[in-house]
Amino acid sequence: MAKLNERQRRFADEYIIDMNATQAAIRAGYSERTARSQGQRLLTKVDIQEAIQKRLDEKTEKLIMKQDEILVRLSEQARREATDYQVVLTEKPSFDDNGNFLGIEKNPEIVQVPTQNKDAIKAMELLGKRYAMWTEKQQVENITPIFVDDVPDDD
């Protein structure tokens, strides 16, 4: 792969933001007047295509969970260390300036709660499956009888 100059590198970086070649060319420092044709021309260069694909692959690699991350998160759930958020309604009485009761005000609030038991149990179940702590299916050997025709013929 040939070495890209600074503007070409910036173009590749800018292109993966919105996949718009014209805007990427402008942000990379090319003239606004010629940005459309420059962007299209840059996209035809193999080196730039490879640089864009490499950056997209790196970006995708970061987005996908790996085994270790999954196991860590399941362990946090199983230990009830992970937190969850729930919306609850809080009720408080409302009074006017004279102290007369007006009613009950209900206000939604977001509260932090630990992992629920059902979620912890599911996480433990998945971890148990990962480490083959138990088997879900019983393996039964299927024995097929073999018939031997060893009775002599009457002649």
N, C-alpha and C. Protein backbone atom coordinates (compact mmCIF):
# COMPACT_ATOMS: atom_id res chain seq x y z
N MET A 1 0.85 -1.18 0.00
CA MET A 1 0.00 0.00 0.00
C MET A 1 0.89 1.24 0.00
N ALA A 2 0.64 2.15 -0.93
CA ALA A 2 1.42 3.38 -1.01
C ALA A 2 1.08 4.29 0.16
N LYS A 3 1.99 5.15 0.46
CA LYS A 3 1.80 6.07 1.58
C LYS A 3 0.82 7.16 1.18
N LEU A 4 -0.16 7.42 2.04
CA LEU A 4 -1.13 8.48 1.78
C LEU A 4 -0.58 9.79 2.31
N ASN A 5 -0.89 10.88 1.61
CA ASN A 5 -0.48 12.18 2.15
C ASN A 5 -1.48 12.59 3.24
N GLU A 6 -1.18 13.69 3.89
CA GLU A 6 -1.99 14.11 5.05
C GLU A 6 -3.46 14.36 4.67
N ARG A 7 -3.71 15.04 3.55
CA ARG A 7 -5.09 15.31 3.15
C ARG A 7 -5.83 14.04 2.79
N GLN A 8 -5.16 13.10 2.16
CA GLN A 8 -5.80 11.83 1.82
C GLN A 8 -6.15 11.05 3.10
N ARG A 9 -5.24 11.08 4.08
CA ARG A 9 -5.52 10.41 5.36
C ARG A 9 -6.72 11.07 6.05
N ARG A 10 -6.72 12.41 6.02
CA ARG A 10 -7.86 13.13 6.63
C ARG A 10 -9.15 12.83 5.89
N PHE A 11 -9.07 12.73 4.56
CA PHE A 11 -10.26 12.39 3.77
C PHE A 11 -10.81 11.02 4.21
N ALA A 12 -9.95 10.03 4.34
CA ALA A 12 -10.38 8.69 4.76
C ALA A 12 -11.03 8.75 6.14
N ASP A 13 -10.42 9.49 7.06
CA ASP A 13 -10.98 9.63 8.41
C ASP A 13 -12.34 10.32 8.37
N GLU A 14 -12.43 11.37 7.59
CA GLU A 14 -13.68 12.13 7.51
C GLU A 14 -14.77 11.35 6.77
N TYR A 15 -14.38 10.56 5.79
CA TYR A 15 -15.36 9.82 5.01
C TYR A 15 -16.12 8.81 5.87
N ILE A 16 -15.46 8.15 6.81
CA ILE A 16 -16.15 7.14 7.61
C ILE A 16 -17.14 7.76 8.60
N ILE A 17 -17.09 9.08 8.78
CA ILE A 17 -18.04 9.73 9.69
C ILE A 17 -19.45 9.67 9.13
N ASP A 18 -19.62 10.09 7.87
CA ASP A 18 -20.97 10.13 7.30
C ASP A 18 -21.07 9.51 5.92
N MET A 19 -19.96 8.93 5.42
CA MET A 19 -19.92 8.29 4.10
C MET A 19 -20.31 9.24 2.98
N ASN A 20 -20.02 10.52 3.16
CA ASN A 20 -20.31 11.53 2.16
C ASN A 20 -18.98 12.04 1.62
N ALA A 21 -18.66 11.67 0.38
CA ALA A 21 -17.36 11.99 -0.20
C ALA A 21 -17.16 13.50 -0.36
N THR A 22 -18.20 14.21 -0.77
CA THR A 22 -18.08 15.66 -0.97
C THR A 22 -17.77 16.36 0.35
N GLN A 23 -18.54 16.07 1.38
CA GLN A 23 -18.31 16.71 2.68
C GLN A 23 -16.97 16.29 3.28
N ALA A 24 -16.59 15.04 3.08
CA ALA A 24 -15.30 14.57 3.59
C ALA A 24 -14.16 15.32 2.90
N ALA A 25 -14.29 15.55 1.61
CA ALA A 25 -13.25 16.29 0.88
C ALA A 25 -13.14 17.72 1.39
N ILE A 26 -14.27 18.36 1.66
CA ILE A 26 -14.26 19.73 2.18
C ILE A 26 -13.59 19.75 3.55
N ARG A 27 -14.00 18.82 4.43
CA ARG A 27 -13.44 18.80 5.79
C ARG A 27 -11.95 18.43 5.78
N ALA A 28 -11.52 17.71 4.73
CA ALA A 28 -10.11 17.32 4.63
C ALA A 28 -9.25 18.44 4.06
N GLY A 29 -9.88 19.52 3.59
CA GLY A 29 -9.12 20.67 3.12
C GLY A 29 -9.11 20.88 1.63
N TYR A 30 -9.91 20.12 0.89
CA TYR A 30 -10.01 20.34 -0.55
C TYR A 30 -10.96 21.50 -0.82
N SER A 31 -10.85 22.11 -1.97
CA SER A 31 -11.67 23.26 -2.35
C SER A 31 -13.15 22.87 -2.40
N GLU A 32 -14.00 23.75 -1.89
CA GLU A 32 -15.45 23.49 -1.93
C GLU A 32 -15.95 23.40 -3.36
N ARG A 33 -15.34 24.17 -4.25
CA ARG A 33 -15.76 24.20 -5.64
C ARG A 33 -15.51 22.86 -6.34
N THR A 34 -14.42 22.20 -5.98
CA THR A 34 -14.08 20.94 -6.64
C THR A 34 -14.24 19.73 -5.72
N ALA A 35 -14.85 19.93 -4.58
CA ALA A 35 -14.93 18.86 -3.57
C ALA A 35 -15.66 17.63 -4.08
N ARG A 36 -16.71 17.84 -4.86
CA ARG A 36 -17.48 16.68 -5.34
C ARG A 36 -16.63 15.79 -6.24
N SER A 37 -15.98 16.39 -7.21
CA SER A 37 -15.16 15.59 -8.13
C SER A 37 -13.93 15.03 -7.42
N GLN A 38 -13.35 15.81 -6.51
CA GLN A 38 -12.19 15.32 -5.76
C GLN A 38 -12.58 14.12 -4.88
N GLY A 39 -13.74 14.23 -4.23
CA GLY A 39 -14.20 13.14 -3.38
C GLY A 39 -14.41 11.86 -4.17
N GLN A 40 -15.04 11.97 -5.32
CA GLN A 40 -15.27 10.80 -6.16
C GLN A 40 -13.96 10.22 -6.68
N ARG A 41 -13.04 11.10 -7.06
CA ARG A 41 -11.74 10.65 -7.55
C ARG A 41 -10.97 9.94 -6.44
N LEU A 42 -11.01 10.50 -5.24
CA LEU A 42 -10.29 9.88 -4.12
C LEU A 42 -10.84 8.50 -3.79
N LEU A 43 -12.15 8.33 -3.92
CA LEU A 43 -12.76 7.03 -3.61
C LEU A 43 -12.37 5.95 -4.62
N THR A 44 -11.88 6.34 -5.79
CA THR A 44 -11.47 5.33 -6.77
C THR A 44 -10.05 4.84 -6.54
N LYS A 45 -9.28 5.53 -5.70
CA LYS A 45 -7.90 5.12 -5.43
C LYS A 45 -7.89 3.92 -4.49
N VAL A 46 -7.18 2.89 -4.87
CA VAL A 46 -7.13 1.64 -4.12
C VAL A 46 -6.56 1.87 -2.72
N ASP A 47 -5.52 2.70 -2.62
CA ASP A 47 -4.91 2.94 -1.31
C ASP A 47 -5.90 3.60 -0.35
N ILE A 48 -6.68 4.51 -0.85
CA ILE A 48 -7.67 5.18 -0.01
C ILE A 48 -8.79 4.22 0.35
N GLN A 49 -9.22 3.41 -0.61
CA GLN A 49 -10.25 2.40 -0.31
C GLN A 49 -9.78 1.45 0.78
N GLU A 50 -8.52 1.03 0.70
CA GLU A 50 -7.96 0.13 1.71
C GLU A 50 -7.89 0.82 3.08
N ALA A 51 -7.50 2.09 3.08
CA ALA A 51 -7.42 2.83 4.35
C ALA A 51 -8.81 2.98 4.96
N ILE A 52 -9.81 3.27 4.14
CA ILE A 52 -11.19 3.40 4.64
C ILE A 52 -11.68 2.06 5.17
N GLN A 53 -11.43 0.98 4.44
CA GLN A 53 -11.87 -0.34 4.88
C GLN A 53 -11.18 -0.73 6.18
N LYS A 54 -9.90 -0.42 6.30
CA LYS A 54 -9.16 -0.73 7.53
C LYS A 54 -9.77 -0.01 8.72
N ARG A 55 -10.11 1.27 8.54
CA ARG A 55 -10.70 2.05 9.64
C ARG A 55 -12.09 1.53 9.99
N LEU A 56 -12.87 1.15 8.97
CA LEU A 56 -14.20 0.59 9.23
C LEU A 56 -14.09 -0.74 9.98
N ASP A 57 -13.12 -1.56 9.60
CA ASP A 57 -12.91 -2.83 10.29
C ASP A 57 -12.52 -2.61 11.75
N GLU A 58 -11.65 -1.63 12.00
CA GLU A 58 -11.25 -1.30 13.37
C GLU A 58 -12.45 -0.83 14.18
N LYS A 59 -13.27 -0.01 13.55
CA LYS A 59 -14.46 0.51 14.22
C LYS A 59 -15.42 -0.64 14.56
N THR A 60 -15.63 -1.53 13.63
CA THR A 60 -16.51 -2.67 13.84
C THR A 60 -15.95 -3.58 14.93
N GLU A 61 -14.65 -3.77 14.92
CA GLU A 61 -13.98 -4.62 15.92
C GLU A 61 -14.25 -4.11 17.34
N LYS A 62 -14.26 -2.80 17.49
CA LYS A 62 -14.51 -2.22 18.82
C LYS A 62 -15.97 -2.38 19.25
N LEU A 63 -16.89 -2.44 18.29
CA LEU A 63 -18.31 -2.51 18.60
C LEU A 63 -18.77 -3.90 19.04
N ILE A 64 -18.09 -4.93 18.57
CA ILE A 64 -18.53 -6.30 18.84
C ILE A 64 -17.90 -6.80 20.12
N MET A 65 -18.73 -7.34 21.00
CA MET A 65 -18.24 -7.88 22.26
C MET A 65 -17.38 -9.12 22.03
N LYS A 66 -16.36 -9.23 22.82
CA LYS A 66 -15.51 -10.41 22.80
C LYS A 66 -15.94 -11.34 23.94
N GLN A 67 -15.45 -12.57 23.92
CA GLN A 67 -15.82 -13.56 24.92
C GLN A 67 -15.53 -13.07 26.34
N ASP A 68 -14.36 -12.50 26.54
CA ASP A 68 -13.99 -12.06 27.88
C ASP A 68 -14.95 -10.99 28.40
N GLU A 69 -15.32 -10.05 27.55
CA GLU A 69 -16.24 -9.00 27.98
C GLU A 69 -17.61 -9.57 28.33
N ILE A 70 -18.06 -10.54 27.55
CA ILE A 70 -19.35 -11.17 27.83
C ILE A 70 -19.29 -11.89 29.17
N LEU A 71 -18.20 -12.62 29.41
CA LEU A 71 -18.07 -13.34 30.69
C LEU A 71 -17.99 -12.38 31.87
N VAL A 72 -17.29 -11.26 31.72
CA VAL A 72 -17.21 -10.27 32.79
C VAL A 72 -18.59 -9.70 33.10
N ARG A 73 -19.33 -9.34 32.06
CA ARG A 73 -20.66 -8.76 32.28
C ARG A 73 -21.63 -9.77 32.89
N LEU A 74 -21.56 -11.02 32.43
CA LEU A 74 -22.41 -12.04 33.04
C LEU A 74 -22.05 -12.25 34.50
N SER A 75 -20.75 -12.21 34.81
CA SER A 75 -20.31 -12.37 36.20
C SER A 75 -20.81 -11.21 37.06
N GLU A 76 -20.77 -10.00 36.54
CA GLU A 76 -21.30 -8.85 37.29
C GLU A 76 -22.79 -9.01 37.55
N GLN A 77 -23.52 -9.51 36.55
CA GLN A 77 -24.95 -9.74 36.72
C GLN A 77 -25.19 -10.82 37.77
N ALA A 78 -24.44 -11.90 37.68
CA ALA A 78 -24.63 -13.02 38.60
C ALA A 78 -24.34 -12.61 40.04
N ARG A 79 -23.34 -11.76 40.22
CA ARG A 79 -22.99 -11.29 41.57
C ARG A 79 -23.87 -10.14 42.04
N ARG A 80 -24.77 -9.70 41.18
CA ARG A 80 -25.65 -8.56 41.44
C ARG A 80 -24.86 -7.27 41.68
N GLU A 81 -23.74 -7.15 40.99
CA GLU A 81 -22.92 -5.94 41.07
C GLU A 81 -23.37 -4.90 40.04
N ALA A 82 -23.98 -5.36 38.98
CA ALA A 82 -24.45 -4.44 37.93
C ALA A 82 -25.70 -3.73 38.43
N THR A 83 -25.87 -2.52 37.99
CA THR A 83 -27.06 -1.77 38.42
C THR A 83 -28.02 -1.62 37.25
N ASP A 84 -29.26 -1.46 37.61
CA ASP A 84 -30.32 -1.28 36.64
C ASP A 84 -31.04 0.01 37.01
N TYR A 85 -31.83 0.53 36.13
CA TYR A 85 -32.57 1.75 36.40
C TYR A 85 -34.05 1.49 36.20
N GLN A 86 -34.86 2.02 37.10
CA GLN A 86 -36.30 1.88 36.99
C GLN A 86 -36.94 3.23 37.25
N VAL A 87 -38.10 3.42 36.66
CA VAL A 87 -38.87 4.64 36.89
C VAL A 87 -39.92 4.32 37.95
N VAL A 88 -39.94 5.11 39.00
CA VAL A 88 -40.95 4.94 40.05
C VAL A 88 -41.70 6.25 40.21
N LEU A 89 -42.94 6.16 40.65
CA LEU A 89 -43.74 7.35 40.91
C LEU A 89 -43.67 7.66 42.40
N THR A 90 -43.24 8.88 42.70
CA THR A 90 -43.23 9.30 44.10
C THR A 90 -44.46 10.18 44.31
N GLU A 91 -45.07 10.00 45.45
CA GLU A 91 -46.28 10.76 45.78
C GLU A 91 -45.99 11.67 46.96
N LYS A 92 -46.41 12.93 46.83
CA LYS A 92 -46.30 13.84 47.97
C LYS A 92 -47.49 14.78 47.95
N PRO A 93 -47.96 15.15 49.14
CA PRO A 93 -49.14 16.02 49.21
C PRO A 93 -48.80 17.42 48.71
N SER A 94 -49.80 18.06 48.14
CA SER A 94 -49.65 19.43 47.63
C SER A 94 -50.60 20.34 48.39
N PHE A 95 -50.10 21.50 48.82
CA PHE A 95 -50.90 22.47 49.57
C PHE A 95 -50.81 23.83 48.89
N ASP A 96 -51.86 24.65 49.05
CA ASP A 96 -51.82 26.01 48.53
C ASP A 96 -51.15 26.92 49.55
N ASP A 97 -51.11 28.23 49.26
CA ASP A 97 -50.45 29.19 50.15
C ASP A 97 -51.10 29.27 51.52
N ASN A 98 -52.38 28.95 51.61
CA ASN A 98 -53.09 29.02 52.88
C ASN A 98 -53.00 27.71 53.67
N GLY A 99 -52.34 26.73 53.12
CA GLY A 99 -52.19 25.45 53.81
C GLY A 99 -53.31 24.47 53.52
N ASN A 100 -54.17 24.80 52.57
CA ASN A 100 -55.25 23.88 52.21
C ASN A 100 -54.73 22.77 51.31
N PHE A 101 -55.18 21.58 51.58
CA PHE A 101 -54.77 20.40 50.84
C PHE A 101 -55.34 20.45 49.43
N LEU A 102 -54.48 20.34 48.44
CA LEU A 102 -54.91 20.37 47.05
C LEU A 102 -54.99 18.98 46.42
N GLY A 103 -54.18 18.08 46.88
CA GLY A 103 -54.17 16.73 46.32
C GLY A 103 -52.79 16.12 46.42
N ILE A 104 -52.65 15.01 45.76
CA ILE A 104 -51.38 14.29 45.76
C ILE A 104 -50.69 14.49 44.42
N GLU A 105 -49.44 14.94 44.48
CA GLU A 105 -48.63 15.08 43.26
C GLU A 105 -47.86 13.79 43.03
N LYS A 106 -47.94 13.30 41.82
CA LYS A 106 -47.18 12.10 41.46
C LYS A 106 -46.09 12.53 40.48
N ASN A 107 -44.86 12.29 40.87
CA ASN A 107 -43.72 12.66 40.04
C ASN A 107 -42.89 11.43 39.71
N PRO A 108 -42.58 11.23 38.44
CA PRO A 108 -41.71 10.09 38.08
C PRO A 108 -40.26 10.40 38.44
N GLU A 109 -39.58 9.39 38.97
CA GLU A 109 -38.15 9.51 39.29
C GLU A 109 -37.45 8.27 38.79
N ILE A 110 -36.24 8.44 38.37
CA ILE A 110 -35.43 7.31 37.95
C ILE A 110 -34.55 6.92 39.14
N VAL A 111 -34.65 5.66 39.54
CA VAL A 111 -33.86 5.19 40.67
C VAL A 111 -32.95 4.04 40.21
N GLN A 112 -31.83 3.94 40.90
CA GLN A 112 -30.86 2.89 40.61
C GLN A 112 -31.16 1.71 41.52
N VAL A 113 -31.27 0.53 40.93
CA VAL A 113 -31.56 -0.68 41.71
C VAL A 113 -30.55 -1.77 41.32
N PRO A 114 -30.27 -2.69 42.25
CA PRO A 114 -29.36 -3.78 41.88
C PRO A 114 -30.03 -4.74 40.89
N THR A 115 -29.22 -5.58 40.33
CA THR A 115 -29.73 -6.58 39.39
C THR A 115 -30.81 -7.40 40.07
N GLN A 116 -31.88 -7.69 39.34
CA GLN A 116 -32.95 -8.50 39.91
C GLN A 116 -32.51 -9.95 40.01
N ASN A 117 -33.13 -10.68 40.93
CA ASN A 117 -32.78 -12.08 41.14
C ASN A 117 -32.92 -12.91 39.86
N LYS A 118 -34.00 -12.69 39.11
CA LYS A 118 -34.21 -13.48 37.90
C LYS A 118 -33.09 -13.24 36.88
N ASP A 119 -32.58 -12.03 36.83
CA ASP A 119 -31.48 -11.74 35.90
C ASP A 119 -30.18 -12.37 36.39
N ALA A 120 -29.96 -12.37 37.70
CA ALA A 120 -28.77 -13.00 38.26
C ALA A 120 -28.80 -14.51 38.03
N ILE A 121 -29.97 -15.11 38.20
CA ILE A 121 -30.11 -16.55 37.99
C ILE A 121 -29.85 -16.89 36.53
N LYS A 122 -30.38 -16.10 35.62
CA LYS A 122 -30.16 -16.35 34.18
C LYS A 122 -28.67 -16.22 33.85
N ALA A 123 -28.00 -15.22 34.42
CA ALA A 123 -26.57 -15.05 34.18
C ALA A 123 -25.78 -16.24 34.71
N MET A 124 -26.15 -16.74 35.88
CA MET A 124 -25.48 -17.92 36.43
C MET A 124 -25.72 -19.14 35.55
N GLU A 125 -26.93 -19.26 35.04
CA GLU A 125 -27.26 -20.37 34.14
C GLU A 125 -26.38 -20.33 32.89
N LEU A 126 -26.24 -19.15 32.30
CA LEU A 126 -25.43 -19.01 31.09
C LEU A 126 -23.95 -19.28 31.38
N LEU A 127 -23.47 -18.81 32.52
CA LEU A 127 -22.08 -19.09 32.89
C LEU A 127 -21.89 -20.59 33.13
N GLY A 128 -22.86 -21.23 33.76
CA GLY A 128 -22.79 -22.67 33.99
C GLY A 128 -22.74 -23.44 32.69
N LYS A 129 -23.51 -23.00 31.70
CA LYS A 129 -23.47 -23.64 30.38
C LYS A 129 -22.11 -23.45 29.74
N ARG A 130 -21.55 -22.26 29.89
CA ARG A 130 -20.24 -21.96 29.30
C ARG A 130 -19.17 -22.89 29.84
N TYR A 131 -19.24 -23.16 31.14
CA TYR A 131 -18.24 -24.01 31.77
C TYR A 131 -18.68 -25.47 31.85
N ALA A 132 -19.74 -25.82 31.15
CA ALA A 132 -20.25 -27.20 31.06
C ALA A 132 -20.40 -27.82 32.45
N MET A 133 -21.05 -27.07 33.34
CA MET A 133 -21.24 -27.57 34.70
C MET A 133 -22.31 -28.65 34.75
N TRP A 134 -23.16 -28.67 33.77
CA TRP A 134 -24.18 -29.70 33.68
C TRP A 134 -24.52 -29.90 32.21
N THR A 135 -25.15 -31.03 31.94
CA THR A 135 -25.57 -31.28 30.57
C THR A 135 -27.07 -31.24 30.53
N GLU A 136 -27.58 -30.66 29.47
CA GLU A 136 -29.03 -30.52 29.35
C GLU A 136 -29.66 -31.73 28.68
N LYS A 137 -28.90 -32.42 27.87
CA LYS A 137 -29.45 -33.56 27.13
C LYS A 137 -28.76 -34.82 27.60
N GLN A 138 -29.53 -35.85 27.76
CA GLN A 138 -28.95 -37.14 28.08
C GLN A 138 -28.62 -37.84 26.77
N GLN A 139 -27.46 -38.40 26.71
CA GLN A 139 -27.07 -39.11 25.51
C GLN A 139 -27.36 -40.59 25.70
N VAL A 140 -28.20 -41.12 24.86
CA VAL A 140 -28.57 -42.52 24.92
C VAL A 140 -28.08 -43.17 23.64
N GLU A 141 -27.33 -44.25 23.82
CA GLU A 141 -26.85 -44.95 22.63
C GLU A 141 -27.97 -45.76 22.03
N ASN A 142 -28.08 -45.66 20.75
CA ASN A 142 -29.11 -46.39 20.04
C ASN A 142 -28.47 -47.69 19.54
N ILE A 143 -28.93 -48.79 20.09
CA ILE A 143 -28.37 -50.09 19.71
C ILE A 143 -29.28 -50.72 18.68
N THR A 144 -28.72 -51.02 17.54
CA THR A 144 -29.49 -51.63 16.46
C THR A 144 -29.16 -53.13 16.44
N PRO A 145 -30.18 -53.97 16.58
CA PRO A 145 -29.89 -55.41 16.57
C PRO A 145 -29.50 -55.88 15.17
N ILE A 146 -28.63 -56.85 15.14
CA ILE A 146 -28.18 -57.42 13.87
C ILE A 146 -28.76 -58.83 13.79
N PHE A 147 -29.48 -59.11 12.74
CA PHE A 147 -30.09 -60.42 12.54
C PHE A 147 -29.21 -61.25 11.63
N VAL A 148 -28.86 -62.44 12.11
CA VAL A 148 -28.01 -63.34 11.32
C VAL A 148 -28.87 -64.51 10.91
N ASP A 149 -28.88 -64.78 9.64
CA ASP A 149 -29.67 -65.89 9.13
C ASP A 149 -28.79 -67.13 9.14
N ASP A 150 -28.74 -67.81 10.28
CA ASP A 150 -27.87 -68.99 10.38
C ASP A 150 -28.67 -70.29 10.46
N VAL A 151 -29.92 -70.24 10.14
CA VAL A 151 -30.76 -71.46 10.13
C VAL A 151 -30.57 -72.13 8.77
N PRO A 152 -30.21 -73.39 8.80
CA PRO A 152 -29.97 -74.07 7.50
C PRO A 152 -31.28 -74.25 6.73
N ASP A 153 -31.19 -74.23 5.43
CA ASP A 153 -32.34 -74.43 4.57
C ASP A 153 -32.67 -75.92 4.53
N ASP A 154 -33.96 -76.25 4.41
CA ASP A 154 -34.39 -77.65 4.27
C ASP A 154 -34.26 -78.05 2.82
N ASP A 155 -33.38 -78.95 2.53
CA ASP A 155 -33.22 -79.43 1.16
C ASP A 155 -33.46 -80.88 1.08
